[in-house]
Amino acid sequence: MAYKITDACVACGACAAGCPVEAITEGDGKYEINADLCVGCGACAEACPVGAPVEE
């Protein structure tokens, strides 16, 4: 199941750096996950200091 980034995002970039398939890009004020590329591994959630990525 794909992940999404909630409004808790502080735009630190930790999730993007941890994504093995480069599905995360910087958006307007927070990072965004491309659901078509996301493999649901959870690496972004593990890397995030504020718990912003959650399973959809």
Protein backbone atom coordinates (compact mmCIF):
# COMPACT_ATOMS: atom_id res chain seq x y z
CA MET A 1 0.00 0.00 0.00
CA ALA A 2 1.30 3.45 -0.90
CA TYR A 3 2.21 6.08 1.66
CA LYS A 4 1.17 9.73 1.76
CA ILE A 5 2.65 12.67 3.65
CA THR A 6 0.40 14.46 6.12
CA ASP A 7 0.37 18.12 7.08
CA ALA A 8 2.70 17.25 9.96
CA CYS A 9 5.56 17.46 7.42
CA VAL A 10 8.26 19.98 8.37
CA ALA A 11 9.94 19.78 4.93
CA CYS A 12 13.25 18.47 6.28
CA GLY A 13 13.81 16.05 3.38
CA ALA A 14 14.63 13.00 5.50
CA CYS A 15 11.88 10.98 3.83
CA ALA A 16 13.10 11.76 0.31
CA ALA A 17 16.66 10.81 1.23
CA GLY A 18 15.44 7.48 2.60
CA CYS A 19 13.20 6.51 -0.33
CA PRO A 20 14.80 3.67 -2.35
CA VAL A 21 12.65 4.32 -5.44
CA GLU A 22 12.86 8.14 -5.44
CA ALA A 23 9.07 8.50 -5.19
CA ILE A 24 9.26 11.59 -2.96
CA THR A 25 9.70 15.14 -4.17
CA GLU A 26 9.58 18.56 -2.55
CA GLY A 27 6.16 20.13 -2.91
CA ASP A 28 4.64 23.43 -1.85
CA GLY A 29 5.51 23.62 1.86
CA LYS A 30 5.80 19.86 2.34
CA TYR A 31 7.11 16.79 0.55
CA GLU A 32 4.87 14.66 -1.67
CA ILE A 33 4.86 10.97 -2.54
CA ASN A 34 4.07 9.81 -6.06
CA ALA A 35 1.67 6.92 -5.37
CA ASP A 36 2.43 5.36 -8.75
CA LEU A 37 6.11 4.99 -7.81
CA CYS A 38 5.71 4.17 -4.10
CA VAL A 39 6.35 0.50 -3.29
CA GLY A 40 4.99 0.77 0.26
CA CYS A 41 8.25 -0.21 1.96
CA GLY A 42 7.90 2.29 4.83
CA ALA A 43 11.45 3.64 4.61
CA CYS A 44 10.07 7.18 4.50
CA ALA A 45 8.09 6.66 7.70
CA GLU A 46 11.15 5.25 9.46
CA ALA A 47 13.30 8.20 8.36
CA CYS A 48 10.80 10.94 9.26
CA PRO A 49 11.42 12.65 12.62
CA VAL A 50 7.78 13.79 12.95
CA GLY A 51 5.89 10.76 11.61
CA ALA A 52 4.40 12.59 8.63
CA PRO A 53 4.35 9.67 6.12
CA VAL A 54 1.42 7.33 6.75
CA GLU A 55 -0.10 4.43 4.83
CA GLU A 56 -3.03 5.39 2.63
